[in-house]
Protein backbone atom coordinates (compact mmCIF):
# COMPACT_ATOMS: atom_id res chain seq x y z
CA MET A 1 121.88 124.08 107.33
CA VAL A 2 118.15 123.58 106.76
CA ALA A 3 115.67 121.96 109.16
CA TYR A 4 112.64 119.85 108.28
CA SER A 5 109.85 118.71 110.58
CA PHE A 6 108.05 115.37 110.24
CA LYS A 7 104.91 113.76 111.55
CA ALA A 8 105.64 111.32 114.38
CA PHE A 9 104.72 108.24 112.34
CA PHE A 10 107.72 108.87 110.06
CA GLU A 11 110.26 108.96 112.91
CA PRO A 12 110.95 105.19 113.14
CA GLN A 13 111.51 104.96 109.39
CA ILE A 14 113.87 107.94 109.35
CA SER A 15 115.83 106.75 112.39
CA THR A 16 116.32 103.27 110.88
CA GLY A 17 117.36 104.67 107.49
CA PHE A 18 114.35 103.29 105.60
CA LYS A 19 113.10 106.79 104.71
CA GLN A 20 115.87 108.92 103.20
CA HIS A 21 113.96 111.69 101.45
CA THR A 22 111.09 114.10 101.88
CA VAL A 23 108.74 115.90 99.51
CA ARG A 24 108.39 119.61 100.26
CA ALA A 25 106.69 122.59 98.68
CA GLU A 26 108.85 125.18 97.02
CA ARG A 27 110.13 127.79 99.44
CA ARG A 28 112.81 130.43 99.61
CA ARG A 29 115.59 128.03 100.59
CA HIS A 30 115.89 124.27 100.65
CA ALA A 31 118.93 122.22 101.51
CA ARG A 32 121.57 122.00 98.81
CA PRO A 33 123.60 118.90 97.94
CA GLY A 34 126.52 118.58 100.33
CA GLU A 35 124.85 120.50 103.17
CA THR A 36 123.69 118.91 106.39
CA VAL A 37 119.97 118.74 107.11
CA GLN A 38 118.35 118.70 110.52
CA LEU A 39 115.37 116.36 110.85
CA TYR A 40 112.89 116.92 113.68
CA VAL A 41 109.60 115.71 115.08
CA GLY A 42 107.39 118.35 116.68
CA MET A 43 109.38 121.34 115.53
CA ARG A 44 108.21 124.64 117.03
CA THR A 45 106.64 122.83 119.99
CA ARG A 46 107.95 122.02 123.44
CA HIS A 47 108.03 118.35 122.39
CA CYS A 48 110.53 119.05 119.60
CA ARG A 49 113.29 116.47 119.22
CA LYS A 50 115.93 115.71 116.64
CA ILE A 51 115.49 112.40 114.80
CA LEU A 52 119.07 111.73 113.63
CA LYS A 53 122.44 112.54 115.14
CA PRO A 54 124.74 113.38 113.49
CA ASP A 55 122.83 115.36 110.88
CA PRO A 56 122.56 113.61 107.50
CA ILE A 57 123.95 115.11 104.30
CA CYS A 58 121.72 116.31 101.47
CA THR A 59 122.53 114.38 98.29
CA ALA A 60 120.06 115.78 95.73
CA VAL A 61 117.12 118.16 95.37
CA PRO A 62 115.26 117.36 92.14
CA PRO A 63 111.88 118.90 91.33
CA ILE A 64 108.79 116.73 91.83
CA VAL A 65 105.22 116.95 90.55
CA ILE A 66 102.43 114.90 92.11
CA GLU A 67 99.04 114.87 90.41
CA LEU A 68 96.00 113.62 92.30
CA SER A 69 92.61 112.53 91.03
CA SER A 70 89.56 111.83 93.19
CA ARG A 71 88.40 109.48 90.40
CA ARG A 72 91.14 107.03 91.39
CA ASP A 73 90.73 104.80 94.43
CA ASP A 74 94.33 105.52 95.45
CA PHE A 75 94.14 109.25 94.49
CA ILE A 76 97.59 109.35 92.83
CA GLN A 77 97.27 110.03 89.13
CA SER A 78 100.97 110.49 88.43
CA ILE A 79 104.35 111.37 89.90
CA GLU A 80 107.15 113.02 87.96
CA ILE A 81 110.65 113.41 89.39
CA ASP A 82 113.18 115.62 87.64
CA GLY A 83 111.13 115.45 84.43
CA CYS A 84 110.76 111.63 84.47
CA LYS A 85 107.24 110.25 84.86
CA LEU A 86 107.06 107.18 87.10
CA ASN A 87 105.19 104.04 86.00
CA ALA A 88 102.79 102.22 88.33
CA ASP A 89 105.48 99.98 89.86
CA ASP A 90 107.81 102.96 90.35
CA ILE A 91 105.03 104.93 92.08
CA GLU A 92 104.49 102.07 94.54
CA GLN A 93 108.25 101.86 95.21
CA PHE A 94 108.48 105.63 95.64
CA ALA A 95 105.52 105.65 98.05
CA ARG A 96 107.18 102.88 100.09
CA ALA A 97 110.48 104.77 100.21
CA ASP A 98 108.59 107.93 101.18
CA GLY A 99 107.37 106.18 104.32
CA PHE A 100 103.92 104.93 103.34
CA ALA A 101 104.50 101.15 103.27
CA PRO A 102 101.51 99.51 105.00
CA GLU A 103 103.72 97.38 107.26
CA HIS A 104 105.48 100.52 108.53
CA ILE A 105 102.67 103.02 108.79
CA ASN A 106 99.22 101.51 109.27
CA VAL A 107 99.64 100.87 112.99
CA LEU A 108 101.04 104.38 113.60
CA ALA A 109 98.88 106.60 111.37
CA LEU A 110 95.32 106.07 112.51
CA ASP A 111 93.74 107.54 109.39
CA LEU A 112 95.78 105.43 106.94
CA ASP A 113 94.94 101.78 106.39
CA GLY A 114 95.55 101.18 102.70
CA LYS A 115 96.70 97.83 101.38
CA THR A 116 99.40 99.51 99.27
CA ALA A 117 101.91 102.29 99.87
CA ARG A 118 100.41 104.16 96.91
CA LYS A 119 96.98 104.09 98.53
CA ASN A 120 98.36 105.34 101.88
CA MET A 121 100.34 108.10 100.20
CA GLY A 122 97.36 109.11 98.07
CA GLU A 123 95.06 109.35 101.08
CA PHE A 124 97.66 111.34 103.01
CA TRP A 125 98.14 113.80 100.14
CA HIS A 126 94.40 114.05 99.48
CA HIS A 127 93.70 114.98 103.11
CA ASN A 128 96.74 117.20 103.74
CA HIS A 129 97.23 119.18 100.52
CA ASP A 130 94.97 121.48 98.55
CA GLY A 131 94.40 121.00 94.86
CA ASP A 132 95.08 118.21 92.41
CA ARG A 133 98.60 119.25 91.44
CA PHE A 134 101.57 119.63 93.75
CA THR A 135 104.89 121.02 92.58
CA GLY A 136 107.84 121.04 94.89
CA MET A 137 111.19 119.50 95.67
CA LEU A 138 112.34 116.03 96.63
CA ILE A 139 115.02 116.47 99.28
CA LYS A 140 117.24 113.37 99.48
CA TRP A 141 119.81 112.66 102.18
CA LYS A 142 122.20 109.99 103.36
CA PRO A 143 123.11 109.31 106.99
CA VAL A 144 126.58 110.14 108.22
CA SER A 145 128.44 107.02 109.37
């Protein structure tokens, strides 16, 4: 079982089932398909709480590459999942599914106010990650009924 911590503004989307994946840097051990994952807000703090009960099941863990460019207004140059490069429409859909849809996030994340999910995601990545290229894993899950 692997645990992942999330920023508070993602909690409503995870608890309602809108957000069913997370992008994470490579590390020694990620969840594997078929394993349960524990999803928390405020992990390693006294305000820690579990988002979903029962724990969801990991369904896939494909590699992901996100390239940023400060020359773009939305910062996201490209996204590649499991070797497949996303087109502009797919990037917007991915950013929405990743929890950056303006109607879900702009009132909760004070520093994000983009008109598109791609813009919100790009600003988040630009401010929270070093460098112009991120390589990691896309951890997908499905809730247990």
